[in-house]
Protein backbone atom coordinates (compact mmCIF):
# COMPACT_ATOMS: atom_id res chain seq x y z
CA UNK A 1 4.90 25.09 3.79
CA UNK A 2 2.15 23.80 0.98
CA UNK A 3 3.22 20.78 -1.03
CA UNK A 4 1.49 20.67 -4.52
CA UNK A 5 1.13 16.83 -3.51
CA UNK A 6 1.31 14.52 -0.65
CA UNK A 7 1.27 10.83 -1.70
CA UNK A 8 -0.08 8.59 1.44
CA UNK A 9 1.87 5.00 0.68
CA UNK A 10 5.20 3.64 -0.52
CA UNK A 11 4.02 0.24 -3.02
CA UNK A 12 4.38 0.08 -6.08
CA UNK A 13 1.39 2.72 -6.87
CA UNK A 14 2.92 5.53 -4.48
CA UNK A 15 6.83 5.04 -5.72
CA UNK A 16 5.70 5.55 -8.74
CA UNK A 17 3.49 8.23 -8.54
CA UNK A 18 6.63 9.79 -6.71
CA UNK A 19 8.99 9.60 -9.73
CA UNK A 20 6.59 11.04 -11.82
CA UNK A 21 5.73 14.34 -9.97
CA UNK A 22 10.00 14.83 -8.97
CA UNK A 23 10.23 14.61 -12.66
CA UNK A 24 7.20 16.65 -13.21
CA UNK A 25 8.42 19.31 -10.95
CA UNK A 26 6.00 19.22 -8.85
CA UNK A 27 6.79 20.29 -4.91
CA UNK A 28 5.70 16.50 -3.59
CA UNK A 29 6.12 14.64 0.09
CA UNK A 30 5.45 11.32 -0.08
CA UNK A 31 4.82 9.19 3.35
CA UNK A 32 5.11 5.75 4.44
CA UNK A 33 5.49 3.69 6.77
CA UNK A 34 8.00 1.40 4.87
CA UNK A 35 8.70 1.19 0.99
CA UNK A 36 8.12 -2.18 -1.12
CA UNK A 37 4.52 -2.48 -0.14
CA UNK A 38 3.21 -5.98 0.07
CA UNK A 39 5.40 -7.70 -2.32
CA UNK A 40 8.52 -7.34 0.60
CA UNK A 41 6.86 -10.76 2.17
CA UNK A 42 6.70 -12.65 -1.28
CA UNK A 43 9.16 -15.64 -1.70
CA UNK A 44 10.11 -14.70 -5.44
CA UNK A 45 8.56 -11.93 -7.58
CA UNK A 46 8.46 -12.88 -11.23
CA UNK A 47 5.87 -11.06 -12.95
CA UNK A 48 7.71 -7.14 -12.17
CA UNK A 49 8.10 -5.82 -15.93
CA UNK A 50 11.92 -6.40 -16.41
CA UNK A 51 12.65 -8.46 -13.86
CA UNK A 52 12.98 -12.04 -14.54
CA UNK A 53 12.76 -13.08 -10.78
CA UNK A 54 13.52 -11.40 -7.71
CA UNK A 55 12.61 -11.69 -3.83
CA UNK A 56 10.24 -9.43 -2.56
CA UNK A 57 12.76 -7.37 -0.16
CA UNK A 58 15.04 -6.91 -2.80
CA UNK A 59 12.68 -5.54 -4.76
CA UNK A 60 11.59 -2.99 -2.09
CA UNK A 61 15.12 -1.97 -1.65
CA UNK A 62 15.42 -1.73 -6.03
CA UNK A 63 12.04 0.53 -6.02
CA UNK A 64 13.22 2.85 -2.62
CA UNK A 65 16.45 3.33 -4.65
CA UNK A 66 14.74 4.23 -7.42
CA UNK A 67 12.55 6.84 -5.51
CA UNK A 68 15.79 8.43 -3.42
CA UNK A 69 17.32 8.97 -6.93
CA UNK A 70 14.88 11.89 -6.57
CA UNK A 71 14.90 13.18 -3.42
CA UNK A 72 16.00 16.30 -2.84
CA UNK A 73 14.09 19.96 -3.26
CA UNK A 74 11.42 18.30 -5.49
CA UNK A 75 10.29 15.42 -3.69
CA UNK A 76 10.86 14.65 0.40
CA UNK A 77 10.11 10.90 1.83
CA UNK A 78 8.91 10.70 5.33
CA UNK A 79 9.10 6.93 6.07
CA UNK A 80 8.72 5.40 8.87
CA UNK A 81 5.80 7.56 9.57
CA UNK A 82 2.09 6.66 9.10
CA UNK A 83 -0.78 9.14 8.00
CA UNK A 84 -3.91 9.25 10.60
CA UNK A 85 -6.12 11.64 9.14
CA UNK A 86 -6.53 13.25 5.94
CA UNK A 87 -9.30 16.80 6.01
CA UNK A 88 -9.70 19.96 3.80
CA UNK A 89 -11.17 20.51 0.50
CA UNK A 90 -9.76 21.21 -3.05
CA UNK A 91 -6.53 22.84 -3.11
CA UNK A 92 -5.99 22.76 0.52
CA UNK A 93 -5.77 19.61 2.33
CA UNK A 94 -4.33 18.72 5.85
CA UNK A 95 -2.56 15.25 6.10
CA UNK A 96 -1.77 14.19 9.65
CA UNK A 97 0.31 12.02 10.64
CA UNK A 98 2.18 10.25 13.54
CA UNK A 99 5.18 12.69 13.33
CA UNK A 100 3.43 15.91 12.14
CA UNK A 101 1.25 17.48 9.70
CA UNK A 102 1.37 18.57 6.39
CA UNK A 103 -1.12 20.83 4.12
CA UNK A 104 -1.23 20.02 0.45
CA UNK A 105 -3.20 21.38 -2.94
CA UNK A 106 -3.96 17.42 -3.84
CA UNK A 107 -3.73 13.91 -2.10
CA UNK A 108 -2.75 10.48 -3.78
CA UNK A 109 -4.26 7.66 -1.39
CA UNK A 110 -1.54 4.91 -1.88
CA UNK A 111 -1.76 3.27 1.22
CA UNK A 112 -2.61 -0.66 -0.03
CA UNK A 113 -3.96 -2.79 2.40
CA UNK A 114 -2.54 -5.92 4.18
CA UNK A 115 -4.27 -9.67 3.17
CA UNK A 116 -6.72 -11.15 5.49
CA UNK A 117 -5.08 -14.01 7.12
CA UNK A 118 -5.59 -17.46 7.95
CA UNK A 119 -5.56 -18.31 11.32
CA UNK A 120 -5.65 -21.83 11.96
CA UNK A 121 -2.85 -23.81 13.57
CA UNK A 122 -0.06 -24.41 11.22
CA UNK A 123 -0.82 -21.20 9.21
CA UNK A 124 1.62 -18.71 10.24
CA UNK A 125 4.32 -21.37 11.02
CA UNK A 126 4.26 -22.27 7.40
CA UNK A 127 3.79 -18.83 6.08
CA UNK A 128 6.53 -18.54 3.28
CA UNK A 129 7.22 -22.15 4.00
CA UNK A 130 3.98 -23.26 1.69
CA UNK A 131 1.43 -20.86 2.85
CA UNK A 132 1.43 -17.94 0.44
CA UNK A 133 -1.38 -15.09 -0.16
CA UNK A 134 0.21 -13.92 -3.79
CA UNK A 135 -0.17 -16.39 -6.66
CA UNK A 136 0.98 -13.99 -8.90
CA UNK A 137 3.85 -13.91 -6.80
CA UNK A 138 4.62 -17.32 -5.98
CA UNK A 139 2.50 -19.33 -7.88
CA UNK A 140 5.48 -20.42 -10.52
CA UNK A 141 6.89 -21.91 -7.49
CA UNK A 142 5.00 -25.03 -6.85
CA UNK A 143 4.78 -25.92 -10.54
CA UNK A 144 4.03 -29.91 -10.68
CA UNK A 145 3.00 -29.63 -7.32
CA UNK A 146 -0.71 -30.26 -5.16
CA UNK A 147 -2.07 -26.84 -4.76
CA UNK A 148 -4.93 -25.69 -2.55
CA UNK A 149 -6.70 -22.60 -2.90
CA UNK A 150 -8.93 -21.42 0.48
CA UNK A 151 -11.93 -18.60 -0.51
CA UNK A 152 -14.53 -19.01 -2.93
CA UNK A 153 -14.61 -15.43 -4.51
CA UNK A 154 -13.53 -14.33 -7.65
CA UNK A 155 -10.14 -13.66 -5.97
CA UNK A 156 -9.69 -17.23 -4.90
CA UNK A 157 -10.87 -18.53 -8.71
CA UNK A 158 -8.58 -16.43 -10.12
CA UNK A 159 -5.92 -17.66 -8.61
CA UNK A 160 -7.32 -21.22 -9.14
CA UNK A 161 -6.69 -20.21 -12.80
CA UNK A 162 -3.42 -18.94 -12.38
CA UNK A 163 -2.34 -22.62 -10.77
CA UNK A 164 -3.78 -24.51 -13.22
CA UNK A 165 -1.20 -22.97 -16.08
CA UNK A 166 1.49 -25.26 -13.98
CA UNK A 167 0.37 -27.09 -10.88
CA UNK A 168 -0.19 -30.56 -10.72
CA UNK A 169 -4.03 -30.36 -9.00
CA UNK A 170 -5.68 -26.94 -7.57
CA UNK A 171 -8.12 -27.98 -4.99
CA UNK A 172 -10.56 -24.70 -3.93
CA UNK A 173 -11.97 -25.03 -0.59
CA UNK A 174 -14.99 -22.78 -0.30
CA UNK A 175 -17.02 -21.70 3.26
CA UNK A 176 -20.24 -21.59 1.61
CA UNK A 177 -21.66 -21.57 -1.82
CA UNK A 178 -19.27 -19.83 -4.87
CA UNK A 179 -19.19 -15.90 -4.80
CA UNK A 180 -17.32 -15.73 -7.90
CA UNK A 181 -18.84 -14.76 -11.15
CA UNK A 182 -20.61 -17.76 -12.57
CA UNK A 183 -18.78 -18.01 -15.95
CA UNK A 184 -15.81 -17.82 -14.62
CA UNK A 185 -17.05 -21.05 -11.97
CA UNK A 186 -17.99 -23.19 -14.51
CA UNK A 187 -14.94 -22.46 -16.55
CA UNK A 188 -12.23 -23.02 -13.84
CA UNK A 189 -13.75 -25.85 -12.78
CA UNK A 190 -14.43 -27.72 -15.83
CA UNK A 191 -10.55 -28.42 -15.94
CA UNK A 192 -9.29 -31.97 -15.19
CA UNK A 193 -6.78 -30.87 -12.60
CA UNK A 194 -9.31 -28.86 -10.75
CA UNK A 195 -11.67 -29.75 -8.21
CA UNK A 196 -13.81 -27.79 -6.11
CA UNK A 197 -15.40 -28.15 -2.38
CA UNK A 198 -18.19 -26.35 -1.15
CA UNK A 199 -19.20 -25.96 2.69
CA UNK A 200 -16.10 -26.87 4.19
CA UNK A 201 -13.34 -25.04 6.19
CA UNK A 202 -9.69 -25.24 6.84
CA UNK A 203 -8.59 -26.66 10.92
CA UNK A 204 -5.38 -27.18 10.16
CA UNK A 205 -1.94 -26.84 8.17
CA UNK A 206 0.11 -29.44 8.34
CA UNK A 207 3.89 -29.58 6.96
CA UNK A 208 7.81 -30.64 8.10
CA UNK A 209 10.30 -28.43 6.59
CA UNK A 210 7.62 -26.86 4.11
CA UNK A 211 3.85 -27.31 4.20
CA UNK A 212 2.91 -31.25 3.26
CA UNK A 213 -1.14 -31.13 3.54
CA UNK A 214 -3.79 -29.37 4.62
CA UNK A 215 -7.15 -30.70 6.96
CA UNK A 216 -10.10 -29.52 6.49
CA UNK A 217 -13.75 -30.36 7.85
CA UNK A 218 -17.56 -29.86 6.75
CA UNK A 219 -19.34 -26.72 8.42
CA UNK A 220 -21.73 -29.62 9.64
CA UNK A 221 -19.20 -31.93 11.14
CA UNK A 222 -18.28 -34.99 10.34
CA UNK A 223 -14.36 -36.48 10.31
CA UNK A 224 -11.43 -34.08 9.11
CA UNK A 225 -10.10 -34.48 5.70
CA UNK A 226 -6.48 -34.20 5.34
CA UNK A 227 -5.20 -33.76 1.34
CA UNK A 228 -1.75 -33.99 0.26
CA UNK A 229 -0.62 -29.80 -0.70
CA UNK A 230 2.53 -28.31 -1.30
CA UNK A 231 1.22 -24.80 -1.54
CA UNK A 232 -1.89 -23.13 -0.28
CA UNK A 233 -2.69 -19.80 -1.28
CA UNK A 234 -5.04 -17.82 0.94
CA UNK A 235 -7.75 -15.56 -0.91
CA UNK A 236 -10.18 -14.83 2.08
CA UNK A 237 -9.88 -11.15 1.44
CA UNK A 238 -8.19 -7.82 1.66
CA UNK A 239 -8.12 -4.79 4.45
CA UNK A 240 -7.64 -1.74 2.71
CA UNK A 241 -5.96 0.97 4.79
CA UNK A 242 -8.49 3.84 4.55
CA UNK A 243 -9.17 4.55 7.47
CA UNK A 244 -7.59 7.69 7.72
CA UNK A 245 -10.01 8.85 4.97
CA UNK A 246 -13.44 7.56 6.47
CA UNK A 247 -15.81 10.26 6.70
CA UNK A 248 -13.99 11.94 3.91
CA UNK A 249 -14.30 9.79 0.61
CA UNK A 250 -16.34 7.52 -0.99
CA UNK A 251 -15.65 4.32 0.19
CA UNK A 252 -17.39 0.53 -0.73
CA UNK A 253 -18.96 -1.91 1.11
CA UNK A 254 -15.13 -3.38 2.27
CA UNK A 255 -13.52 -0.27 2.61
CA UNK A 256 -11.97 0.27 -0.52
CA UNK A 257 -11.82 3.57 -2.18
CA UNK A 258 -14.26 4.21 -5.03
CA UNK A 259 -12.51 5.63 -8.01
CA UNK A 260 -12.99 6.98 -11.52
CA UNK A 261 -10.77 3.92 -13.39
CA UNK A 262 -10.06 6.76 -16.29
CA UNK A 263 -7.82 9.36 -14.36
CA UNK A 264 -8.11 7.30 -10.41
CA UNK A 265 -10.18 10.65 -9.35
CA UNK A 266 -11.90 9.88 -5.94
CA UNK A 267 -15.20 11.53 -4.75
CA UNK A 268 -13.45 14.46 -3.68
CA UNK A 269 -12.48 17.03 -6.44
CA UNK A 270 -8.19 16.99 -5.15
CA UNK A 271 -8.00 13.60 -3.99
CA UNK A 272 -6.34 10.43 -6.12
CA UNK A 273 -6.26 6.71 -5.10
CA UNK A 274 -4.74 4.27 -6.80
CA UNK A 275 -3.21 0.34 -5.86
CA UNK A 276 -4.89 -1.88 -3.78
CA UNK A 277 -6.22 0.70 -1.28
CA UNK A 278 -9.19 1.06 -4.19
CA UNK A 279 -11.49 -0.65 -5.92
CA UNK A 280 -9.90 -1.97 -8.60
CA UNK A 281 -10.91 -5.19 -10.00
CA UNK A 282 -7.36 -7.04 -10.25
CA UNK A 283 -4.51 -6.46 -8.08
CA UNK A 284 -1.18 -6.75 -8.75
CA UNK A 285 2.27 -4.93 -8.53
CA UNK A 286 2.11 -3.53 -12.63
CA UNK A 287 -1.05 -2.72 -12.05
CA UNK A 288 -0.79 -0.51 -8.98
CA UNK A 289 2.24 0.87 -10.76
CA UNK A 290 0.49 1.96 -13.62
CA UNK A 291 -2.45 3.40 -11.52
CA UNK A 292 0.15 5.58 -9.87
CA UNK A 293 1.35 7.02 -13.03
CA UNK A 294 -2.41 7.37 -14.48
CA UNK A 295 -3.64 9.28 -11.28
CA UNK A 296 0.12 11.21 -11.57
CA UNK A 297 -0.36 12.48 -14.88
CA UNK A 298 -4.11 13.94 -13.86
CA UNK A 299 -2.95 15.42 -11.05
CA UNK A 300 -0.88 17.40 -12.86
CA UNK A 301 -3.12 18.42 -15.50
CA UNK A 302 -5.43 19.57 -12.89
CA UNK A 303 -2.79 21.49 -11.01
CA UNK A 304 -1.46 23.05 -14.37
CA UNK A 305 -3.47 23.25 -17.54
CA UNK A 306 -7.14 23.12 -15.81
């Protein structure tokens, strides 16, 4: 059987595209290890449109329920499966998985990625207990508290900017000179509750029931410094899940899919990409869902109106 569309991934981008594909009567297979994406790890999501607050697993369950409402003749769900390779050309793609192979006219890559984890003593122990990887999901939980951001790139400074709206203080630690846009750095560091420290590295997360402090040390040596922290926000990079398409499509220097932001098309005709596996500037649930819909609209036009 040849499908009109194969969707790789079950996060907000893939689920949104799957729902739209079914409604537009595209014969679609959606392949994902699980439904929900990265937010399944969140203590509380407060920015999903239409839902004031919801825990990550509950959001994933809600998305899966909505998706399965369309499961049937036009939409097949293959969960618990992982895509290992995509090959072929426009109109005739082969999607290989751990459990089988699927043929499709078009492909939507919505496989997301994973946050690079902080690897110091205490970081894993206090994940979801003060150590978090999603400021837009968990930030408001730490209102009125001292917080720390680890990472001196754009993501780190964007996280700091979000936290400054409600945190008592924000301290940003960077292993090197700041890599974020100079204008952003200047604006964020000008806030009276903001402090930036360069050329340091975290060495330990401390706590009791929840995080209470972070210990860091200068990269040039010296005595460790301990600072109070109720929340530690880690922004040290994303690892995109795109290995299955290496050598087929254009990826940027860190392995994200290069897309046309107008329609989510990739360098290969017939393949689109959406969500955290792409070079999209901002990675959030609502943005991923919108990009998935945008891609699906373009895929439908590609199949039926061009």
